[in-house]
Amino acid sequence: MSIFKRLIKNYRKSSENRIQFIIFLGFVIVPIIGMALLYIIVNIFWL
């Protein structure tokens, strides 16, 4: 079973898991993507 399928199975198990998943996305994944995009934009336009 792939990691993605395992995550989806865990996500659908209970509403608590959904809340934890959203918090994980909000505090870990989204800031990393945002900082990476900001780094790329700064390197393109200012350096």
N, C-alpha and C. Protein backbone atom coordinates (compact mmCIF):
# COMPACT_ATOMS: atom_id res chain seq x y z
N MET A 1 0.84 -1.18 0.00
CA MET A 1 0.00 0.00 0.00
C MET A 1 0.89 1.25 0.00
N SER A 2 0.57 2.19 -0.87
CA SER A 2 1.39 3.39 -0.96
C SER A 2 1.14 4.31 0.25
N ILE A 3 2.05 5.21 0.44
CA ILE A 3 1.95 6.16 1.56
C ILE A 3 0.72 7.04 1.38
N PHE A 4 0.45 7.44 0.13
CA PHE A 4 -0.70 8.30 -0.14
C PHE A 4 -2.01 7.61 0.22
N LYS A 5 -2.16 6.34 -0.15
CA LYS A 5 -3.38 5.59 0.18
C LYS A 5 -3.52 5.42 1.69
N ARG A 6 -2.41 5.21 2.37
CA ARG A 6 -2.44 5.08 3.83
C ARG A 6 -2.90 6.39 4.48
N LEU A 7 -2.40 7.52 3.94
CA LEU A 7 -2.81 8.82 4.47
C LEU A 7 -4.30 9.07 4.26
N ILE A 8 -4.80 8.71 3.08
CA ILE A 8 -6.22 8.91 2.79
C ILE A 8 -7.08 8.04 3.71
N LYS A 9 -6.65 6.78 3.92
CA LYS A 9 -7.39 5.88 4.81
C LYS A 9 -7.44 6.45 6.23
N ASN A 10 -6.31 6.96 6.71
CA ASN A 10 -6.24 7.55 8.04
C ASN A 10 -7.07 8.84 8.11
N TYR A 11 -7.08 9.61 7.02
CA TYR A 11 -7.83 10.87 6.96
C TYR A 11 -9.33 10.62 7.09
N ARG A 12 -9.81 9.56 6.48
CA ARG A 12 -11.25 9.28 6.49
C ARG A 12 -11.72 8.57 7.76
N LYS A 13 -10.79 8.16 8.60
CA LYS A 13 -11.16 7.38 9.79
C LYS A 13 -11.99 8.19 10.79
N SER A 14 -11.57 9.39 11.11
CA SER A 14 -12.32 10.20 12.08
C SER A 14 -12.12 11.68 11.81
N SER A 15 -12.98 12.48 12.38
CA SER A 15 -12.88 13.93 12.17
C SER A 15 -11.65 14.50 12.87
N GLU A 16 -11.21 13.86 13.93
CA GLU A 16 -10.00 14.32 14.63
C GLU A 16 -8.78 14.22 13.71
N ASN A 17 -8.71 13.13 12.96
CA ASN A 17 -7.60 12.96 12.03
C ASN A 17 -7.63 14.03 10.94
N ARG A 18 -8.84 14.40 10.50
CA ARG A 18 -8.95 15.45 9.49
C ARG A 18 -8.41 16.76 10.04
N ILE A 19 -8.75 17.08 11.28
CA ILE A 19 -8.29 18.32 11.90
C ILE A 19 -6.76 18.30 12.00
N GLN A 20 -6.19 17.18 12.42
CA GLN A 20 -4.74 17.08 12.53
C GLN A 20 -4.08 17.23 11.16
N PHE A 21 -4.70 16.67 10.13
CA PHE A 21 -4.15 16.76 8.78
C PHE A 21 -4.16 18.21 8.29
N ILE A 22 -5.27 18.93 8.56
CA ILE A 22 -5.37 20.33 8.15
C ILE A 22 -4.35 21.18 8.90
N ILE A 23 -4.17 20.92 10.19
CA ILE A 23 -3.18 21.65 10.97
C ILE A 23 -1.78 21.38 10.44
N PHE A 24 -1.50 20.11 10.10
CA PHE A 24 -0.20 19.76 9.53
C PHE A 24 0.03 20.51 8.23
N LEU A 25 -0.98 20.55 7.36
CA LEU A 25 -0.85 21.28 6.10
C LEU A 25 -0.62 22.77 6.36
N GLY A 26 -1.39 23.31 7.29
CA GLY A 26 -1.33 24.75 7.54
C GLY A 26 -0.02 25.21 8.16
N PHE A 27 0.57 24.38 9.00
CA PHE A 27 1.76 24.83 9.73
C PHE A 27 3.07 24.25 9.21
N VAL A 28 3.02 23.24 8.34
CA VAL A 28 4.26 22.63 7.86
C VAL A 28 4.38 22.76 6.35
N ILE A 29 3.43 22.24 5.61
CA ILE A 29 3.54 22.16 4.16
C ILE A 29 3.39 23.53 3.50
N VAL A 30 2.35 24.26 3.85
CA VAL A 30 2.09 25.56 3.22
C VAL A 30 3.23 26.56 3.45
N PRO A 31 3.76 26.72 4.67
CA PRO A 31 4.89 27.64 4.84
C PRO A 31 6.14 27.23 4.06
N ILE A 32 6.40 25.94 3.95
CA ILE A 32 7.56 25.48 3.18
C ILE A 32 7.40 25.85 1.71
N ILE A 33 6.21 25.60 1.16
CA ILE A 33 5.96 25.96 -0.24
C ILE A 33 6.03 27.47 -0.43
N GLY A 34 5.46 28.22 0.51
CA GLY A 34 5.49 29.67 0.43
C GLY A 34 6.90 30.24 0.50
N MET A 35 7.72 29.71 1.39
CA MET A 35 9.10 30.18 1.50
C MET A 35 9.90 29.83 0.25
N ALA A 36 9.65 28.65 -0.31
CA ALA A 36 10.34 28.25 -1.54
C ALA A 36 9.96 29.18 -2.69
N LEU A 37 8.68 29.50 -2.82
CA LEU A 37 8.24 30.43 -3.87
C LEU A 37 8.83 31.82 -3.66
N LEU A 38 8.84 32.29 -2.43
CA LEU A 38 9.42 33.59 -2.13
C LEU A 38 10.91 33.62 -2.48
N TYR A 39 11.62 32.55 -2.16
CA TYR A 39 13.05 32.45 -2.48
C TYR A 39 13.27 32.53 -3.99
N ILE A 40 12.44 31.81 -4.75
CA ILE A 40 12.57 31.82 -6.21
C ILE A 40 12.29 33.21 -6.76
N ILE A 41 11.22 33.85 -6.28
CA ILE A 41 10.85 35.19 -6.77
C ILE A 41 11.94 36.20 -6.44
N VAL A 42 12.48 36.13 -5.24
CA VAL A 42 13.55 37.06 -4.84
C VAL A 42 14.78 36.86 -5.72
N ASN A 43 15.14 35.62 -5.98
CA ASN A 43 16.31 35.36 -6.82
C ASN A 43 16.11 35.82 -8.25
N ILE A 44 14.88 35.71 -8.76
CA ILE A 44 14.63 36.12 -10.14
C ILE A 44 14.65 37.64 -10.27
N PHE A 45 13.99 38.36 -9.36
CA PHE A 45 13.78 39.78 -9.55
C PHE A 45 14.79 40.68 -8.84
N TRP A 46 15.41 40.24 -7.76
CA TRP A 46 16.29 41.14 -7.03
C TRP A 46 17.77 40.81 -7.16
N LEU A 47 18.11 39.59 -7.51
CA LEU A 47 19.53 39.25 -7.56
C LEU A 47 20.03 39.10 -8.98
